Protein backbone atom coordinates (compact mmCIF):
# COMPACT_ATOMS: atom_id res chain seq x y z
CA MET A 1 -18.81 -13.99 4.94
CA SER A 2 -16.93 -16.50 2.76
CA GLU A 3 -13.41 -17.58 3.61
CA LYS A 4 -11.09 -14.60 3.91
CA LYS A 5 -8.46 -13.98 1.26
CA ARG A 6 -4.80 -14.23 2.17
CA VAL A 7 -2.69 -11.04 2.32
CA VAL A 8 1.08 -10.75 2.68
CA VAL A 9 2.52 -7.38 3.73
CA LEU A 10 6.00 -6.14 2.85
CA LEU A 11 7.46 -3.32 4.94
CA SER A 12 10.71 -1.67 5.98
CA GLY A 13 9.85 0.34 9.08
CA ASN A 14 7.34 1.18 11.76
CA GLY A 15 4.37 -0.48 10.09
CA SER A 16 1.53 1.93 10.89
CA ASN A 17 -0.32 0.91 7.74
CA LEU A 18 0.17 -2.74 8.69
CA GLN A 19 -1.41 -1.92 12.05
CA ALA A 20 -4.40 -0.38 10.28
CA LEU A 21 -4.77 -3.47 8.10
CA LEU A 22 -4.62 -5.74 11.16
CA ASP A 23 -7.01 -3.64 13.22
CA GLN A 24 -9.65 -3.56 10.50
CA GLU A 25 -9.44 -7.07 9.06
CA HIS A 26 -12.31 -8.25 11.29
CA LYS A 27 -14.78 -6.23 9.21
CA TYR A 28 -13.28 -6.94 5.80
CA SER A 29 -12.70 -9.85 3.41
CA TYR A 30 -8.94 -10.30 3.92
CA GLN A 31 -6.63 -11.72 6.56
CA VAL A 32 -2.97 -10.82 6.95
CA VAL A 33 -1.15 -14.17 6.98
CA GLY A 34 2.47 -13.03 6.72
CA VAL A 35 4.69 -9.98 7.09
CA ILE A 36 8.16 -9.72 5.56
CA SER A 37 10.71 -6.94 6.05
CA ASN A 38 14.05 -6.28 4.40
CA ILE A 39 15.07 -4.68 7.72
CA PRO A 40 15.33 -7.49 10.31
CA ASP A 41 14.66 -5.22 13.31
CA ALA A 42 11.81 -3.22 11.74
CA TYR A 43 9.12 -2.54 14.32
CA GLY A 44 6.48 -3.65 11.84
CA LEU A 45 7.63 -7.24 12.42
CA GLU A 46 6.92 -6.86 16.13
CA ARG A 47 3.43 -5.59 15.32
CA ALA A 48 2.88 -8.77 13.31
CA ARG A 49 4.11 -11.01 16.13
CA GLN A 50 1.84 -9.25 18.61
CA HIS A 51 -1.08 -10.23 16.37
CA LYS A 52 0.22 -13.81 16.06
CA VAL A 53 1.01 -13.27 12.37
CA ALA A 54 4.06 -14.96 10.84
CA ALA A 55 6.90 -12.41 10.62
CA LEU A 56 10.13 -12.77 8.66
CA GLY A 57 13.17 -10.49 8.54
CA LEU A 58 15.09 -10.93 5.29
CA ASP A 59 18.16 -8.69 5.29
CA HIS A 60 18.73 -7.36 1.77
CA LYS A 61 22.36 -6.59 2.64
CA ALA A 62 23.08 -10.31 2.82
CA PHE A 63 22.42 -10.74 -0.91
CA SER A 64 24.77 -10.09 -3.81
CA SER A 65 22.28 -8.15 -5.92
CA ARG A 66 18.77 -6.73 -6.00
CA THR A 67 17.69 -9.56 -8.30
CA ALA A 68 19.10 -12.23 -5.99
CA PHE A 69 17.25 -10.72 -3.05
CA ASP A 70 13.99 -10.39 -4.93
CA LEU A 71 14.14 -13.97 -6.20
CA ARG A 72 14.44 -15.12 -2.59
CA LEU A 73 11.66 -12.71 -1.63
CA ILE A 74 9.43 -14.28 -4.27
CA GLU A 75 10.05 -17.69 -2.71
CA GLU A 76 9.19 -16.44 0.77
CA VAL A 77 6.04 -14.64 -0.36
CA ASN A 78 4.91 -17.73 -2.30
CA ARG A 79 5.12 -19.82 0.88
CA PHE A 80 2.08 -17.91 2.14
CA ASP A 81 0.08 -18.55 -1.05
CA PRO A 82 -1.20 -14.95 -1.09
CA ASP A 83 -4.22 -13.58 -2.90
CA LEU A 84 -2.82 -10.06 -2.50
CA VAL A 85 0.60 -8.58 -1.71
CA VAL A 86 0.53 -5.20 0.03
CA LEU A 87 3.46 -2.79 0.23
CA ALA A 88 3.24 -0.86 3.50
CA GLY A 89 6.24 1.40 3.75
CA TYR A 90 8.49 -0.96 1.79
CA MET A 91 11.47 1.22 0.96
CA ARG A 92 13.06 -0.73 -1.86
CA ILE A 93 12.40 -0.52 -5.57
CA LEU A 94 11.17 -3.93 -6.62
CA SER A 95 12.81 -5.74 -9.52
CA PRO A 96 10.83 -6.42 -12.71
CA GLU A 97 11.00 -10.13 -11.83
CA PHE A 98 9.11 -9.55 -8.59
CA VAL A 99 6.56 -7.15 -10.08
CA ASP A 100 5.85 -9.49 -13.00
CA ARG A 101 5.38 -12.46 -10.67
CA PHE A 102 2.64 -10.72 -8.68
CA ALA A 103 1.24 -8.44 -11.38
CA GLY A 104 -2.40 -7.57 -10.75
CA LYS A 105 -2.27 -8.54 -7.09
CA LEU A 106 0.45 -6.20 -5.85
CA ILE A 107 -0.55 -2.80 -4.43
CA ASN A 108 1.11 0.22 -2.84
CA ILE A 109 0.05 3.42 -1.12
CA HIS A 110 1.86 6.67 -1.90
CA PRO A 111 1.56 9.98 0.00
CA SER A 112 0.58 12.22 -2.87
CA LEU A 113 -2.18 12.76 -5.39
CA LEU A 114 -0.53 10.78 -8.14
CA PRO A 115 0.58 11.28 -10.84
CA ASP A 116 1.89 14.40 -9.06
CA TYR A 117 4.84 14.13 -6.68
CA LYS A 118 6.17 10.67 -7.31
CA GLY A 119 9.08 9.57 -5.15
CA LEU A 120 10.16 10.85 -1.74
CA GLY A 121 9.66 14.12 0.17
CA THR A 122 6.12 14.75 -0.96
CA TYR A 123 5.05 16.85 2.06
CA LYS A 124 7.98 19.23 1.77
CA ARG A 125 7.52 19.57 -1.98
CA VAL A 126 3.77 20.24 -1.76
CA LEU A 127 4.29 22.93 0.88
CA ALA A 128 7.13 24.53 -1.08
CA ASP A 129 4.92 24.69 -4.16
CA LYS A 130 2.02 26.12 -2.10
CA LYS A 131 -0.39 23.51 -3.45
CA PRO A 132 -3.97 23.80 -2.15
CA LEU A 133 -4.50 20.02 -2.04
CA HIS A 134 -2.52 17.00 -0.91
CA GLY A 135 -3.41 13.39 -0.19
CA CYS A 136 -2.62 9.77 -0.88
CA THR A 137 -3.16 7.22 -3.64
CA VAL A 138 -3.54 3.45 -3.54
CA HIS A 139 -2.38 1.94 -6.82
CA PHE A 140 -1.39 -1.30 -8.47
CA VAL A 141 2.37 -1.72 -8.72
CA THR A 142 4.18 -1.75 -12.06
CA PRO A 143 7.93 -1.71 -12.82
CA GLU A 144 7.77 2.09 -13.18
CA LEU A 145 7.88 3.90 -9.83
CA ASP A 146 4.48 5.07 -8.48
CA SER A 147 2.87 4.64 -11.89
CA GLY A 148 0.39 1.75 -11.77
CA ALA A 149 -3.38 2.02 -12.22
CA HIS A 150 -5.06 3.97 -9.42
CA ILE A 151 -7.51 2.32 -7.01
CA ILE A 152 -8.44 4.97 -4.42
CA GLN A 153 -7.30 8.56 -4.00
CA ALA A 154 -8.07 10.58 -0.87
CA SER A 155 -7.48 14.33 -0.73
CA LEU A 156 -7.44 17.13 1.83
CA GLU A 157 -7.11 20.89 1.76
CA VAL A 158 -3.69 22.13 2.86
CA LYS A 159 -4.14 24.58 5.73
CA ALA A 160 -2.15 27.79 6.09
CA THR A 161 -0.95 26.45 9.45
CA ASP A 162 0.24 23.09 8.08
CA ASN A 163 3.90 22.11 8.26
CA GLU A 164 5.51 18.85 7.14
CA GLU A 165 4.66 17.06 10.39
CA SER A 166 1.02 18.13 10.59
CA LEU A 167 0.45 17.43 6.91
CA MET A 168 2.01 13.97 7.27
CA GLN A 169 -0.22 13.18 10.25
CA ARG A 170 -3.36 14.22 8.40
CA VAL A 171 -2.44 12.22 5.29
CA GLN A 172 -1.51 9.15 7.32
CA MET A 173 -4.90 9.21 9.03
CA MET A 174 -6.45 8.95 5.56
CA GLU A 175 -4.02 6.19 4.57
CA HIS A 176 -5.08 4.13 7.56
CA GLN A 177 -8.68 4.25 6.34
CA ILE A 178 -8.35 3.81 2.60
CA TYR A 179 -5.64 1.12 2.50
CA PRO A 180 -7.68 -1.51 4.37
CA LEU A 181 -10.67 -0.48 2.27
CA ALA A 182 -8.70 -0.98 -0.95
CA ALA A 183 -7.50 -4.41 0.21
CA HIS A 184 -11.11 -5.33 0.96
CA LEU A 185 -12.42 -4.17 -2.40
CA ILE A 186 -9.84 -6.31 -4.20
CA THR A 187 -10.13 -9.42 -2.04
CA SER A 188 -13.93 -9.29 -2.06
CA GLY A 189 -13.89 -9.28 -5.86
CA ARG A 190 -15.63 -5.93 -6.17
CA LEU A 191 -12.58 -4.22 -7.67
CA GLN A 192 -10.60 -5.68 -10.55
CA LEU A 193 -7.79 -4.68 -12.86
CA LYS A 194 -8.57 -5.46 -16.49
CA GLU A 195 -6.28 -4.33 -19.30
CA ASP A 196 -4.81 -1.53 -17.17
CA LYS A 197 -8.26 -0.24 -16.27
CA VAL A 198 -9.76 -0.48 -12.78
CA LEU A 199 -13.36 -1.65 -12.50
CA LEU A 200 -15.50 -1.29 -9.37
CA ASP A 201 -18.64 -3.44 -9.44
CA ASN A 202 -17.91 -3.96 -13.16
CA HIS A 203 -17.90 -0.21 -13.91
CA PRO A 204 -14.75 1.77 -14.84
CA ILE A 205 -13.70 4.24 -12.17
CA ASN A 206 -12.00 7.62 -12.44
CA PRO A 207 -8.50 7.04 -13.90
CA LEU A 208 -7.17 8.91 -10.85
CA GLY A 209 -8.89 6.36 -8.58
CA TYR A 210 -12.12 6.34 -6.63
CA GLN A 211 -12.19 9.84 -5.13
CA LEU A 212 -12.60 10.35 -1.37
CA LYS A 213 -12.19 13.37 0.91
CA GLU A 214 -10.60 13.78 4.33
CA ASN A 215 -14.00 14.17 6.01
CA ALA A 216 -15.72 11.42 3.99
CA LEU A 217 -13.61 8.27 3.61
CA GLU A 218 -16.43 5.79 3.01
CA LEU A 219 -17.49 4.65 -0.43
CA ALA A 220 -20.78 6.13 -1.58
């Protein structure tokens, strides 16, 4: 395998998706080289340190504005010279300045079948609406919340016995499989964003993203 591409992860909390990225990087084309959190005591930073990955806490409360914080964040991310920036439970809306700087190499994972259920509280909302399906979507980040071009979408059938906790656990298990896969597809060059369209092996994919199921999370 050629030299691995450099990935920087931004997070705000526990970092379970970071852990999945770290655990699976041995079989993929990326390497996590830095982790930054706007919450200085976020456990995700400890996960990074345990893997001997550079970890930085950058307290957003110490800055006068969102723009001031994001300009500093741009500087810190640039120090790692990343090929890809991955949001893994990063709980701040990014400024247009940040999104524009890393456009096309900035991705996020959201716990819903986008474009449905943007924002927070997706599990509760899906259950309240008695939806038969739920899932998660990896997408490129744009200034509009949860609205960039889709990369991979994984779905599951909501069971009659599901509650918020069980549904969250099932969706997160899918997240931990498809997020490292998405990072690999991008860093290996197989998946590209061209004029707001996603190409896999030079072929356009479903606008909703490459479709996977709970019991089949490998690419065909």
